[in-house]
Each structure stands twice: as C-alpha cells, then as structure tokens.
Amino acid sequence: QAQLVESGGGLVQAGGSLRLSCAFSGSTYDINVLGWYRQAPGKQRELVAAISKGGVTNHVDSVKGRFTISRDNANNIVYLQMNNLKPEDTAVYYCNAGHWWNERGDYWGKGTLVTVSS
C-alpha cells in the first residue's frame, strides 16, 4: 500500500499561481506513473497531468502552457505548478499513483481544494 498526501491548495485570484505538492510513502517500489486529477462540482474527475518515473510528461490541452508537472524521485514528491489560473480551474485536485501509463493508478490522495476567484 502507498499513501499520498497533497498540500498547497487555497484561494487565489484569476491570473495567480499555486504549487501543489504530493508526498507519497509506503510500498512505492511499483509506482511508475504519478498524476494529478481534478474534480469540479457536478463534474467527473479528469486527468490534468501525468509524469513517468523517467520524466515523460503529459498535460491535457486545457492546461498546456499554464501548468507543469514535475517529480522528485529521491524524496518521493510530485508537484503541479499552476500559473495563470482561471476560474474554471476551480476544483478539488487529487494526486494519483500507479504503474501503467494511460491508466489511473490504484492509489489516491484525499485531495486539496483550489479556488480561483474572478
């Protein structure tokens, strides 16, 4: 079992920036892919960005050029730098960990709320 703990959410004005962090621990030997997902009220949870252990990244079109995912393998932390935030980015952001690319992993954090005011 792996445990994931997110931090860094909060309230920010449109155009502002936040950096989310996710620390993972426990049985991490088979974790290859780390991802950030988000879920806005009344909507399904959706992928925001993912990164492999080797550093290959994927960002969905709606955040390209604004968000950047990165990871610190030595310290088991994954980050999501979010710049030029928009009100439509408001959601609970979840960290996800798993083995296979293009699949949701088995491990989830509890989420951190990001609220962007206009």
Protein backbone atom coordinates (compact mmCIF):
# COMPACT_ATOMS: atom_id res chain seq x y z
CA GLN A 1 0.00 0.00 0.00
CA ALA A 2 1.11 3.54 -0.78
CA GLN A 3 -0.05 6.67 0.95
CA LEU A 4 -0.36 10.01 -0.80
CA VAL A 5 -0.78 13.38 0.89
CA GLU A 6 -1.47 16.55 -1.08
CA SER A 7 -0.82 20.11 0.03
CA GLY A 8 -0.70 23.58 -1.45
CA GLY A 9 -4.30 24.30 -2.36
CA GLY A 10 -6.06 27.52 -1.49
CA LEU A 11 -7.84 30.60 -2.73
CA VAL A 12 -6.21 32.68 -5.46
CA GLN A 13 -7.33 35.38 -7.84
CA ALA A 14 -7.52 34.76 -11.55
CA GLY A 15 -4.09 35.14 -13.12
CA GLY A 16 -2.36 33.99 -9.94
CA SER A 17 -0.24 30.94 -9.24
CA LEU A 18 -0.20 27.99 -6.86
CA ARG A 19 2.07 25.00 -6.47
CA LEU A 20 0.60 21.71 -5.33
CA SER A 21 2.72 19.04 -3.73
CA CYS A 22 2.05 15.36 -3.18
CA ALA A 23 4.26 13.28 -0.92
CA PHE A 24 3.98 9.52 -1.31
CA SER A 25 5.21 6.82 1.01
CA GLY A 26 4.76 3.18 1.86
CA SER A 27 5.09 0.48 -0.81
CA THR A 28 6.31 2.65 -3.64
CA TYR A 29 8.51 0.17 -5.49
CA ASP A 30 5.96 -0.42 -8.28
CA ILE A 31 4.90 3.20 -8.71
CA ASN A 32 5.92 4.38 -12.15
CA VAL A 33 3.35 6.99 -13.05
CA LEU A 34 2.20 9.90 -10.93
CA GLY A 35 -0.70 12.06 -11.93
CA TRP A 36 -2.82 14.99 -10.91
CA TYR A 37 -6.57 14.81 -11.42
CA ARG A 38 -9.26 17.32 -10.58
CA GLN A 39 -12.96 17.24 -9.93
CA ALA A 40 -15.14 20.31 -10.13
CA PRO A 41 -18.61 20.36 -8.52
CA GLY A 42 -21.05 18.34 -10.56
CA LYS A 43 -18.39 17.07 -12.93
CA GLN A 44 -16.42 13.89 -13.34
CA ARG A 45 -12.87 13.55 -12.16
CA GLU A 46 -10.49 14.31 -15.01
CA LEU A 47 -6.79 13.98 -15.68
CA VAL A 48 -4.78 17.19 -15.52
CA ALA A 49 -1.22 15.95 -15.97
CA ALA A 50 0.91 12.84 -15.53
CA ILE A 51 4.59 12.04 -15.30
CA SER A 52 6.53 8.79 -15.54
CA LYS A 53 9.46 7.81 -13.37
CA GLY A 54 11.71 8.67 -16.30
CA GLY A 55 10.27 12.15 -16.61
CA VAL A 56 7.95 11.77 -19.58
CA THR A 57 5.01 14.13 -19.11
CA ASN A 58 1.51 14.61 -20.42
CA HIS A 59 -0.61 17.71 -19.87
CA VAL A 60 -4.17 17.99 -21.04
CA ASP A 61 -4.86 20.70 -23.60
CA SER A 62 -6.76 22.96 -21.22
CA VAL A 63 -3.68 23.43 -19.00
CA LYS A 64 -0.85 23.30 -21.52
CA GLY A 65 1.39 26.32 -21.22
CA ARG A 66 0.00 27.13 -17.76
CA PHE A 67 0.55 24.03 -15.60
CA THR A 68 3.72 21.98 -15.22
CA ILE A 69 4.05 18.62 -13.53
CA SER A 70 7.39 17.54 -12.08
CA ARG A 71 8.68 14.96 -9.64
CA ASP A 72 11.48 14.49 -7.15
CA ASN A 73 12.20 10.76 -7.20
CA ALA A 74 14.73 10.96 -4.40
CA ASN A 75 12.18 12.40 -2.00
CA ASN A 76 9.02 10.82 -3.43
CA ILE A 77 7.25 14.07 -4.19
CA VAL A 78 5.30 15.15 -7.24
CA TYR A 79 4.47 18.79 -7.93
CA LEU A 80 1.97 20.68 -10.02
CA GLN A 81 2.97 24.26 -10.73
CA MET A 82 -0.13 26.18 -11.80
CA ASN A 83 0.26 29.60 -13.38
CA ASN A 84 -2.25 32.00 -14.92
CA LEU A 85 -5.07 30.31 -13.06
CA LYS A 86 -8.61 30.72 -14.33
CA PRO A 87 -11.95 30.41 -12.51
CA GLU A 88 -12.62 27.22 -14.47
CA ASP A 89 -9.59 25.64 -12.77
CA THR A 90 -11.54 25.65 -9.51
CA ALA A 91 -11.76 22.05 -8.30
CA VAL A 92 -10.51 19.54 -5.79
CA TYR A 93 -7.13 18.32 -7.03
CA TYR A 94 -6.14 14.74 -6.36
CA CYS A 95 -2.78 13.04 -6.56
CA ASN A 96 -2.75 9.59 -8.15
CA ALA A 97 -0.08 6.90 -8.28
CA GLY A 98 0.17 3.72 -10.27
CA HIS A 99 2.22 1.62 -12.60
CA TRP A 100 0.78 1.87 -16.09
CA TRP A 101 0.81 4.88 -18.39
CA ASN A 102 -2.66 5.93 -19.63
CA GLU A 103 -4.34 4.17 -16.72
CA ARG A 104 -5.49 5.56 -13.41
CA GLY A 105 -3.39 4.16 -10.63
CA ASP A 106 -4.74 2.38 -7.60
CA TYR A 107 -3.62 4.96 -5.07
CA TRP A 108 -5.25 8.30 -4.37
CA GLY A 109 -4.71 11.16 -2.00
CA LYS A 110 -7.61 12.82 -0.21
CA GLY A 111 -7.44 15.92 -2.37
CA THR A 112 -6.74 19.60 -1.94
CA LEU A 113 -9.16 22.37 -2.88
CA VAL A 114 -8.15 25.05 -5.35
CA THR A 115 -10.49 28.01 -5.69
CA VAL A 116 -9.86 30.68 -8.30
CA SER A 117 -11.85 33.87 -7.96
CA SER A 118 -12.63 36.14 -10.89
